[in-house]
């Protein structure tokens, strides 16, 4: 009579331990999911910021923008004195 009671109590303890382990794991998974969503939001925000910085970088480095800034600073374009309309001699004697 003692043997079945011992087996039932042992199985009851195992069930309780497994339930506690399951609750603990589910709780850690749920908090991990929240952290994952936060990290994904941060990643998307950084990607958007990188795109904006890339556009600003390309705009700042464009020749049109550089020419406008040079004109504002007082630089003027120099016309070349060489006329390439007439062919130059290949060799001189």
PDB file of N, CA and C in Angstrom:
ATOM      1  N   UNK A   1       0.814  -1.184   0.000  1.00  0.00           N
ATOM      2  CA  UNK A   1       0.000   0.000   0.000  1.00  0.00           C
ATOM      3  C   UNK A   1       0.872   1.268   0.000  1.00  0.00           C
ATOM      4  N   UNK A   2       2.001   1.169   0.590  1.00  0.00           N
ATOM      5  CA  UNK A   2       2.887   2.330   0.645  1.00  0.00           C
ATOM      6  C   UNK A   2       3.533   2.603  -0.719  1.00  0.00           C
ATOM      7  N   UNK A   3       3.749   1.534  -1.491  1.00  0.00           N
ATOM      8  CA  UNK A   3       4.441   1.681  -2.759  1.00  0.00           C
ATOM      9  C   UNK A   3       3.630   2.534  -3.767  1.00  0.00           C
ATOM     10  N   UNK A   4       2.335   2.295  -3.983  1.00  0.00           N
ATOM     11  CA  UNK A   4       1.594   3.150  -4.919  1.00  0.00           C
ATOM     12  C   UNK A   4       1.516   4.601  -4.430  1.00  0.00           C
ATOM     13  N   UNK A   5       1.419   4.815  -3.143  1.00  0.00           N
ATOM     14  CA  UNK A   5       1.365   6.171  -2.610  1.00  0.00           C
ATOM     15  C   UNK A   5       2.687   6.894  -2.849  1.00  0.00           C
ATOM     16  N   UNK A   6       3.791   6.170  -2.734  1.00  0.00           N
ATOM     17  CA  UNK A   6       5.106   6.742  -2.967  1.00  0.00           C
ATOM     18  C   UNK A   6       5.268   7.119  -4.443  1.00  0.00           C
ATOM     19  N   UNK A   7       4.804   6.274  -5.351  1.00  0.00           N
ATOM     20  CA  UNK A   7       4.896   6.550  -6.787  1.00  0.00           C
ATOM     21  C   UNK A   7       4.020   7.749  -7.146  1.00  0.00           C
ATOM     22  N   UNK A   8       2.819   7.813  -6.601  1.00  0.00           N
ATOM     23  CA  UNK A   8       1.913   8.928  -6.898  1.00  0.00           C
ATOM     24  C   UNK A   8       2.490  10.236  -6.366  1.00  0.00           C
ATOM     25  N   UNK A   9       3.054  10.240  -5.187  1.00  0.00           N
ATOM     26  CA  UNK A   9       3.632  11.470  -4.642  1.00  0.00           C
ATOM     27  C   UNK A   9       4.869  11.880  -5.443  1.00  0.00           C
ATOM     28  N   UNK A  10       5.666  10.896  -5.874  1.00  0.00           N
ATOM     29  CA  UNK A  10       6.832  11.196  -6.695  1.00  0.00           C
ATOM     30  C   UNK A  10       6.403  11.805  -8.030  1.00  0.00           C
ATOM     31  N   UNK A  11       5.405  11.244  -8.661  1.00  0.00           N
ATOM     32  CA  UNK A  11       4.876  11.786  -9.918  1.00  0.00           C
ATOM     33  C   UNK A  11       4.281  13.180  -9.707  1.00  0.00           C
ATOM     34  N   UNK A  12       3.623  13.396  -8.574  1.00  0.00           N
ATOM     35  CA  UNK A  12       3.071  14.718  -8.265  1.00  0.00           C
ATOM     36  C   UNK A  12       4.174  15.763  -8.129  1.00  0.00           C
ATOM     37  N   UNK A  13       5.264  15.394  -7.485  1.00  0.00           N
ATOM     38  CA  UNK A  13       6.392  16.325  -7.328  1.00  0.00           C
ATOM     39  C   UNK A  13       7.008  16.636  -8.699  1.00  0.00           C
ATOM     40  N   UNK A  14       7.131  15.621  -9.560  1.00  0.00           N
ATOM     41  CA  UNK A  14       7.674  15.840 -10.904  1.00  0.00           C
ATOM     42  C   UNK A  14       6.756  16.770 -11.699  1.00  0.00           C
ATOM     43  N   UNK A  15       5.453  16.575 -11.600  1.00  0.00           N
ATOM     44  CA  UNK A  15       4.500  17.429 -12.325  1.00  0.00           C
ATOM     45  C   UNK A  15       4.609  18.864 -11.839  1.00  0.00           C
ATOM     46  N   UNK A  16       4.678  19.059 -10.540  1.00  0.00           N
ATOM     47  CA  UNK A  16       4.791  20.414  -9.989  1.00  0.00           C
ATOM     48  C   UNK A  16       6.104  21.061 -10.451  1.00  0.00           C
ATOM     49  N   UNK A  17       7.196  20.308 -10.448  1.00  0.00           N
ATOM     50  CA  UNK A  17       8.494  20.844 -10.883  1.00  0.00           C
ATOM     51  C   UNK A  17       8.453  21.217 -12.369  1.00  0.00           C
ATOM     52  N   UNK A  18       7.818  20.382 -13.176  1.00  0.00           N
ATOM     53  CA  UNK A  18       7.711  20.682 -14.599  1.00  0.00           C
ATOM     54  C   UNK A  18       6.823  21.901 -14.857  1.00  0.00           C
ATOM     55  N   UNK A  19       5.758  22.047 -14.087  1.00  0.00           N
ATOM     56  CA  UNK A  19       4.883  23.218 -14.236  1.00  0.00           C
ATOM     57  C   UNK A  19       5.643  24.490 -13.874  1.00  0.00           C
ATOM     58  N   UNK A  20       6.411  24.449 -12.803  1.00  0.00           N
ATOM     59  CA  UNK A  20       7.200  25.613 -12.395  1.00  0.00           C
ATOM     60  C   UNK A  20       8.260  25.932 -13.474  1.00  0.00           C
ATOM     61  N   UNK A  21       8.887  24.901 -14.025  1.00  0.00           N
ATOM     62  CA  UNK A  21       9.889  25.117 -15.075  1.00  0.00           C
ATOM     63  C   UNK A  21       9.231  25.722 -16.314  1.00  0.00           C
ATOM     64  N   UNK A  22       8.049  25.235 -16.673  1.00  0.00           N
ATOM     65  CA  UNK A  22       7.343  25.775 -17.842  1.00  0.00           C
ATOM     66  C   UNK A  22       6.963  27.231 -17.641  1.00  0.00           C
ATOM     67  N   UNK A  23       6.461  27.562 -16.480  1.00  0.00           N
ATOM     68  CA  UNK A  23       6.076  28.951 -16.193  1.00  0.00           C
ATOM     69  C   UNK A  23       7.299  29.856 -16.261  1.00  0.00           C
ATOM     70  N   UNK A  24       8.410  29.392 -15.707  1.00  0.00           N
ATOM     71  CA  UNK A  24       9.645  30.181 -15.738  1.00  0.00           C
ATOM     72  C   UNK A  24      10.120  30.399 -17.169  1.00  0.00           C
ATOM     73  N   UNK A  25      10.114  29.362 -17.984  1.00  0.00           N
ATOM     74  CA  UNK A  25      10.547  29.483 -19.373  1.00  0.00           C
ATOM     75  C   UNK A  25       9.616  30.391 -20.180  1.00  0.00           C
ATOM     76  N   UNK A  26       8.316  30.254 -19.989  1.00  0.00           N
ATOM     77  CA  UNK A  26       7.374  31.108 -20.718  1.00  0.00           C
ATOM     78  C   UNK A  26       7.547  32.571 -20.332  1.00  0.00           C
ATOM     79  N   UNK A  27       7.821  32.822 -19.073  1.00  0.00           N
ATOM     80  CA  UNK A  27       8.035  34.189 -18.624  1.00  0.00           C
ATOM     81  C   UNK A  27       9.299  34.771 -19.258  1.00  0.00           C
ATOM     82  N   UNK A  28      10.368  33.999 -19.325  1.00  0.00           N
ATOM     83  CA  UNK A  28      11.607  34.510 -19.924  1.00  0.00           C
ATOM     84  C   UNK A  28      11.444  34.708 -21.428  1.00  0.00           C
ATOM     85  N   UNK A  29      10.683  33.829 -22.078  1.00  0.00           N
ATOM     86  CA  UNK A  29      10.448  33.979 -23.517  1.00  0.00           C
ATOM     87  C   UNK A  29       9.616  35.226 -23.793  1.00  0.00           C
ATOM     88  N   UNK A  30       8.634  35.497 -22.953  1.00  0.00           N
ATOM     89  CA  UNK A  30       7.787  36.677 -23.189  1.00  0.00           C
ATOM     90  C   UNK A  30       8.582  37.970 -23.015  1.00  0.00           C
ATOM     91  N   UNK A  31       9.467  38.030 -22.031  1.00  0.00           N
ATOM     92  CA  UNK A  31      10.285  39.235 -21.868  1.00  0.00           C
ATOM     93  C   UNK A  31      11.325  39.335 -22.967  1.00  0.00           C
ATOM     94  N   UNK A  32      11.817  38.205 -23.445  1.00  0.00           N
ATOM     95  CA  UNK A  32      12.760  38.215 -24.560  1.00  0.00           C
ATOM     96  C   UNK A  32      12.080  38.734 -25.812  1.00  0.00           C
ATOM     97  N   UNK A  33      10.830  38.385 -26.025  1.00  0.00           N
ATOM     98  CA  UNK A  33      10.084  38.880 -27.179  1.00  0.00           C
ATOM     99  C   UNK A  33       9.910  40.382 -27.134  1.00  0.00           C
ATOM    100  N   UNK A  34       9.663  40.929 -25.972  1.00  0.00           N
ATOM    101  CA  UNK A  34       9.514  42.381 -25.827  1.00  0.00           C
ATOM    102  C   UNK A  34      10.845  43.062 -26.126  1.00  0.00           C
ATOM    103  N   UNK A  35      11.929  42.490 -25.627  1.00  0.00           N
ATOM    104  CA  UNK A  35      13.256  43.054 -25.900  1.00  0.00           C
ATOM    105  C   UNK A  35      13.572  42.973 -27.394  1.00  0.00           C
ATOM    106  N   UNK A  36      13.164  41.880 -28.027  1.00  0.00           N
ATOM    107  CA  UNK A  36      13.401  41.714 -29.457  1.00  0.00           C
ATOM    108  C   UNK A  36      12.663  42.774 -30.262  1.00  0.00           C
ATOM    109  N   UNK A  37      11.428  43.058 -29.900  1.00  0.00           N
ATOM    110  CA  UNK A  37      10.665  44.093 -30.593  1.00  0.00           C
ATOM    111  C   UNK A  37      11.324  45.458 -30.406  1.00  0.00           C
ATOM    112  N   UNK A  38      11.795  45.742 -29.204  1.00  0.00           N
ATOM    113  CA  UNK A  38      12.493  47.016 -28.954  1.00  0.00           C
ATOM    114  C   UNK A  38      13.752  47.124 -29.803  1.00  0.00           C
ATOM    115  N   UNK A  39      14.517  46.045 -29.888  1.00  0.00           N
ATOM    116  CA  UNK A  39      15.734  46.060 -30.697  1.00  0.00           C
ATOM    117  C   UNK A  39      15.418  46.232 -32.180  1.00  0.00           C
ATOM    118  N   UNK A  40      14.352  45.589 -32.647  1.00  0.00           N
ATOM    119  CA  UNK A  40      13.961  45.746 -34.054  1.00  0.00           C
ATOM    120  C   UNK A  40      13.532  47.176 -34.341  1.00  0.00           C
ATOM    121  N   UNK A  41      12.847  47.806 -33.411  1.00  0.00           N
ATOM    122  CA  UNK A  41      12.461  49.207 -33.586  1.00  0.00           C
ATOM    123  C   UNK A  41      13.687  50.112 -33.628  1.00  0.00           C
ATOM    124  N   UNK A  42      14.660  49.841 -32.773  1.00  0.00           N
ATOM    125  CA  UNK A  42      15.894  50.628 -32.778  1.00  0.00           C
ATOM    126  C   UNK A  42      16.657  50.439 -34.085  1.00  0.00           C
ATOM    127  N   UNK A  43      16.684  49.216 -34.589  1.00  0.00           N
ATOM    128  CA  UNK A  43      17.376  48.943 -35.846  1.00  0.00           C
ATOM    129  C   UNK A  43      16.713  49.692 -36.992  1.00  0.00           C
ATOM    130  N   UNK A  44      15.388  49.681 -37.044  1.00  0.00           N
ATOM    131  CA  UNK A  44      14.700  50.385 -38.130  1.00  0.00           C
ATOM    132  C   UNK A  44      14.911  51.896 -38.019  1.00  0.00           C
ATOM    133  N   UNK A  45      14.963  52.431 -36.810  1.00  0.00           N
ATOM    134  CA  UNK A  45      15.213  53.866 -36.637  1.00  0.00           C
ATOM    135  C   UNK A  45      16.621  54.228 -37.097  1.00  0.00           C
ATOM    136  N   UNK A  46      17.591  53.384 -36.774  1.00  0.00           N
ATOM    137  CA  UNK A  46      18.968  53.647 -37.197  1.00  0.00           C
ATOM    138  C   UNK A  46      19.100  53.537 -38.716  1.00  0.00           C
ATOM    139  N   UNK A  47      18.395  52.587 -39.326  1.00  0.00           N
ATOM    140  CA  UNK A  47      18.432  52.461 -40.781  1.00  0.00           C
ATOM    141  C   UNK A  47      17.836  53.693 -41.457  1.00  0.00           C
ATOM    142  N   UNK A  48      16.743  54.215 -40.912  1.00  0.00           N
ATOM    143  CA  UNK A  48      16.146  55.434 -41.467  1.00  0.00           C
ATOM    144  C   UNK A  48      17.109  56.613 -41.335  1.00  0.00           C
ATOM    145  N   UNK A  49      17.749  56.715 -40.178  1.00  0.00           N
ATOM    146  CA  UNK A  49      18.712  57.795 -39.960  1.00  0.00           C
ATOM    147  C   UNK A  49      19.902  57.665 -40.916  1.00  0.00           C
ATOM    148  N   UNK A  50      20.346  56.435 -41.151  1.00  0.00           N
ATOM    149  CA  UNK A  50      21.447  56.216 -42.094  1.00  0.00           C
ATOM    150  C   UNK A  50      21.055  56.643 -43.506  1.00  0.00           C
ATOM    151  N   UNK A  51      19.831  56.363 -43.916  1.00  0.00           N
ATOM    152  CA  UNK A  51      19.373  56.782 -45.243  1.00  0.00           C
ATOM    153  C   UNK A  51      19.347  58.304 -45.356  1.00  0.00           C
ATOM    154  N   UNK A  52      18.862  58.968 -44.302  1.00  0.00           N
ATOM    155  CA  UNK A  52      18.835  60.433 -44.321  1.00  0.00           C
ATOM    156  C   UNK A  52      20.249  61.008 -44.376  1.00  0.00           C
ATOM    157  N   UNK A  53      21.160  60.419 -43.610  1.00  0.00           N
ATOM    158  CA  UNK A  53      22.548  60.886 -43.636  1.00  0.00           C
ATOM    159  C   UNK A  53      23.198  60.616 -44.988  1.00  0.00           C
ATOM    160  N   UNK A  54      22.853  59.507 -45.609  1.00  0.00           N
ATOM    161  CA  UNK A  54      23.401  59.187 -46.927  1.00  0.00           C
ATOM    162  C   UNK A  54      22.936  60.206 -47.959  1.00  0.00           C
ATOM    163  N   UNK A  55      21.658  60.585 -47.900  1.00  0.00           N
ATOM    164  CA  UNK A  55      21.129  61.587 -48.830  1.00  0.00           C
ATOM    165  C   UNK A  55      21.814  62.934 -48.586  1.00  0.00           C
ATOM    166  N   UNK A  56      21.968  63.305 -47.327  1.00  0.00           N
ATOM    167  CA  UNK A  56      22.622  64.580 -47.013  1.00  0.00           C
ATOM    168  C   UNK A  56      24.080  64.560 -47.468  1.00  0.00           C
ATOM    169  N   UNK A  57      24.752  63.443 -47.311  1.00  0.00           N
ATOM    170  CA  UNK A  57      26.146  63.315 -47.743  1.00  0.00           C
ATOM    171  C   UNK A  57      26.260  63.456 -49.261  1.00  0.00           C
ATOM    172  N   UNK A  58      25.375  62.786 -49.979  1.00  0.00           N
ATOM    173  CA  UNK A  58      25.419  62.856 -51.438  1.00  0.00           C
ATOM    174  C   UNK A  58      25.062  64.254 -51.945  1.00  0.00           C
ATOM    175  N   UNK A  59      24.132  64.914 -51.269  1.00  0.00           N
ATOM    176  CA  UNK A  59      23.788  66.275 -51.667  1.00  0.00           C
ATOM    177  C   UNK A  59      24.950  67.230 -51.410  1.00  0.00           C
ATOM    178  N   UNK A  60      25.621  67.057 -50.287  1.00  0.00           N
ATOM    179  CA  UNK A  60      26.740  67.946 -49.957  1.00  0.00           C
ATOM    180  C   UNK A  60      27.910  67.726 -50.903  1.00  0.00           C
ATOM    181  N   UNK A  61      28.071  66.525 -51.398  1.00  0.00           N
ATOM    182  CA  UNK A  61      29.190  66.230 -52.267  1.00  0.00           C
ATOM    183  C   UNK A  61      28.897  66.408 -53.745  1.00  0.00           C
ATOM    184  N   UNK A  62      27.690  66.817 -54.088  1.00  0.00           N
ATOM    185  CA  UNK A  62      27.361  66.957 -55.504  1.00  0.00           C
ATOM    186  C   UNK A  62      28.069  68.170 -56.091  1.00  0.00           C
ATOM    187  N   UNK A  63      28.377  68.087 -57.375  1.00  0.00           N
ATOM    188  CA  UNK A  63      29.095  69.170 -58.048  1.00  0.00           C
ATOM    189  C   UNK A  63      28.264  70.449 -58.083  1.00  0.00           C
ATOM    190  N   UNK A  64      26.963  70.317 -58.206  1.00  0.00           N
ATOM    191  CA  UNK A  64      26.118  71.501 -58.232  1.00  0.00           C
ATOM    192  C   UNK A  64      26.205  72.247 -56.909  1.00  0.00           C
ATOM    193  N   UNK A  65      26.130  71.524 -55.821  1.00  0.00           N
ATOM    194  CA  UNK A  65      26.203  72.137 -54.500  1.00  0.00           C
ATOM    195  C   UNK A  65      27.578  72.762 -54.269  1.00  0.00           C
ATOM    196  N   UNK A  66      28.625  72.069 -54.698  1.00  0.00           N
ATOM    197  CA  UNK A  66      29.975  72.614 -54.538  1.00  0.00           C
ATOM    198  C   UNK A  66      30.132  73.888 -55.361  1.00  0.00           C
ATOM    199  N   UNK A  67      29.585  73.903 -56.573  1.00  0.00           N
ATOM    200  CA  UNK A  67      29.676  75.095 -57.420  1.00  0.00           C
ATOM    201  C   UNK A  67      28.925  76.269 -56.795  1.00  0.00           C
ATOM    202  N   UNK A  68      27.771  76.011 -56.222  1.00  0.00           N
ATOM    203  CA  UNK A  68      26.994  77.081 -55.579  1.00  0.00           C
ATOM    204  C   UNK A  68      27.758  77.646 -54.388  1.00  0.00           C
ATOM    205  N   UNK A  69      28.335  76.768 -53.571  1.00  0.00           N
ATOM    206  CA  UNK A  69      29.090  77.239 -52.407  1.00  0.00           C
ATOM    207  C   UNK A  69      30.342  78.000 -52.831  1.00  0.00           C
ATOM    208  N   UNK A  70      30.994  77.547 -53.890  1.00  0.00           N
ATOM    209  CA  UNK A  70      32.178  78.253 -54.380  1.00  0.00           C
ATOM    210  C   UNK A  70      31.795  79.644 -54.886  1.00  0.00           C
ATOM    211  N   UNK A  71      30.661  79.745 -55.558  1.00  0.00           N
ATOM    212  CA  UNK A  71      30.194  81.044 -56.049  1.00  0.00           C
ATOM    213  C   UNK A  71      29.879  81.973 -54.878  1.00  0.00           C
ATOM    214  N   UNK A  72      29.291  81.416 -53.816  1.00  0.00           N
ATOM    215  CA  UNK A  72      28.976  82.218 -52.632  1.00  0.00           C
ATOM    216  C   UNK A  72      30.252  82.711 -51.955  1.00  0.00           C
ATOM    217  N   UNK A  73      31.307  81.932 -52.015  1.00  0.00           N
ATOM    218  CA  UNK A  73      32.563  82.323 -51.394  1.00  0.00           C
ATOM    219  C   UNK A  73      33.379  83.271 -52.263  1.00  0.00           C
ATOM    220  N   UNK A  74      32.938  83.495 -53.487  1.00  0.00           N
ATOM    221  CA  UNK A  74      33.600  84.468 -54.329  1.00  0.00           C
ATOM    222  C   UNK A  74      34.513  83.886 -55.383  1.00  0.00           C
ATOM    223  N   UNK A  75      34.541  82.602 -55.532  1.00  0.00           N
ATOM    224  CA  UNK A  75      35.355  82.009 -56.584  1.00  0.00           C
ATOM    225  C   UNK A  75      34.677  82.231 -57.933  1.00  0.00           C
ATOM    226  N   UNK A  76      35.480  82.432 -58.941  1.00  0.00           N
ATOM    227  CA  UNK A  76      34.934  82.604 -60.279  1.00  0.00           C
ATOM    228  C   UNK A  76      35.540  81.544 -61.183  1.00  0.00           C
ATOM    229  N   UNK A  77      34.813  81.195 -62.225  1.00  0.00           N
ATOM    230  CA  UNK A  77      35.333  80.188 -63.146  1.00  0.00           C
ATOM    231  C   UNK A  77      36.261  80.865 -64.144  1.00  0.00           C
ATOM    232  N   UNK A  78      37.380  80.243 -64.391  1.00  0.00           N
ATOM    233  CA  UNK A  78      38.382  80.796 -65.303  1.00  0.00           C
ATOM    234  C   UNK A  78      38.178  80.162 -66.669  1.00  0.00           C
ATOM    235  N   UNK A  79      38.093  81.009 -67.671  1.00  0.00           N
ATOM    236  CA  UNK A  79      37.950  80.509 -69.031  1.00  0.00           C
ATOM    237  C   UNK A  79      39.330  80.123 -69.545  1.00  0.00           C
ATOM    238  N   UNK A  80      39.426  79.011 -70.188  1.00  0.00           N
ATOM    239  CA  UNK A  80      40.696  78.535 -70.715  1.00  0.00           C
ATOM    240  C   UNK A  80      41.079  79.340 -71.950  1.00  0.00           C
ATOM    241  N   UNK A  81      42.349  79.607 -72.092  1.00  0.00           N
ATOM    242  CA  UNK A  81      42.854  80.367 -73.222  1.00  0.00           C
ATOM    243  C   UNK A  81      43.187  79.464 -74.401  1.00  0.00           C
ATOM    244  N   UNK A  82      43.099  78.174 -74.226  1.00  0.00           N
ATOM    245  CA  UNK A  82      43.427  77.235 -75.297  1.00  0.00           C
ATOM    246  C   UNK A  82      42.190  77.007 -76.142  1.00  0.00           C
ATOM    247  N   UNK A  83      42.349  77.111 -77.453  1.00  0.00           N
ATOM    248  CA  UNK A  83      41.256  76.881 -78.383  1.00  0.00           C
ATOM    249  C   UNK A  83      41.538  75.576 -79.103  1.00  0.00           C
ATOM    250  N   UNK A  84      40.714  74.622 -78.899  1.00  0.00           N
ATOM    251  CA  UNK A  84      40.926  73.317 -79.502  1.00  0.00           C
ATOM    252  C   UNK A  84      40.158  73.159 -80.815  1.00  0.00           C
ATOM    253  N   UNK A  85      39.593  74.227 -81.335  1.00  0.00           N
ATOM    254  CA  UNK A  85      38.865  74.141 -82.587  1.00  0.00           C
ATOM    255  C   UNK A  85      39.807  73.895 -83.741  1.00  0.00           C
ATOM    256  N   UNK A  86      40.986  74.482 -83.713  1.00  0.00           N
ATOM    257  CA  UNK A  86      41.964  74.259 -84.765  1.00  0.00           C
ATOM    258  C   UNK A  86      42.903  73.138 -84.336  1.00  0.00           C
ATOM    259  N   UNK A  87      43.242  72.234 -85.231  1.00  0.00           N
ATOM    260  CA  UNK A  87      44.106  71.120 -84.830  1.00  0.00           C
ATOM    261  C   UNK A  87      45.521  71.585 -84.539  1.00  0.00           C
ATOM    262  N   UNK A  88      46.106  71.002 -83.536  1.00  0.00           N
ATOM    263  CA  UNK A  88      47.481  71.322 -83.171  1.00  0.00           C
ATOM    264  C   UNK A  88      48.442  70.493 -84.007  1.00  0.00           C
ATOM    265  N   UNK A  89      49.628  71.014 -84.280  1.00  0.00           N
ATOM    266  CA  UNK A  89      50.583  70.224 -85.066  1.00  0.00           C
ATOM    267  C   UNK A  89      51.046  69.016 -84.275  1.00  0.00           C
ATOM    268  N   UNK A  90      51.254  67.936 -85.000  1.00  0.00           N
ATOM    269  CA  UNK A  90      51.668  66.687 -84.340  1.00  0.00           C
ATOM    270  C   UNK A  90      53.119  66.786 -83.913  1.00  0.00           C
ATOM    271  N   UNK A  91      53.983  67.240 -84.819  1.00  0.00           N
ATOM    272  CA  UNK A  91      55.398  67.379 -84.470  1.00  0.00           C
ATOM    273  C   UNK A  91      55.949  68.617 -85.173  1.00  0.00           C
ATOM    274  N   UNK A  92      56.906  69.203 -84.569  1.00  0.00           N
ATOM    275  CA  UNK A  92      57.530  70.388 -85.159  1.00  0.00           C
ATOM    276  C   UNK A  92      58.899  69.997 -85.700  1.00  0.00           C
ATOM    277  N   UNK A  93      59.275  70.578 -86.817  1.00  0.00           N
ATOM    278  CA  UNK A  93      60.573  70.272 -87.385  1.00  0.00           C
ATOM    279  C   UNK A  93      61.614  71.178 -86.892  1.00  0.00           C
TER     280      UNK A  93
END
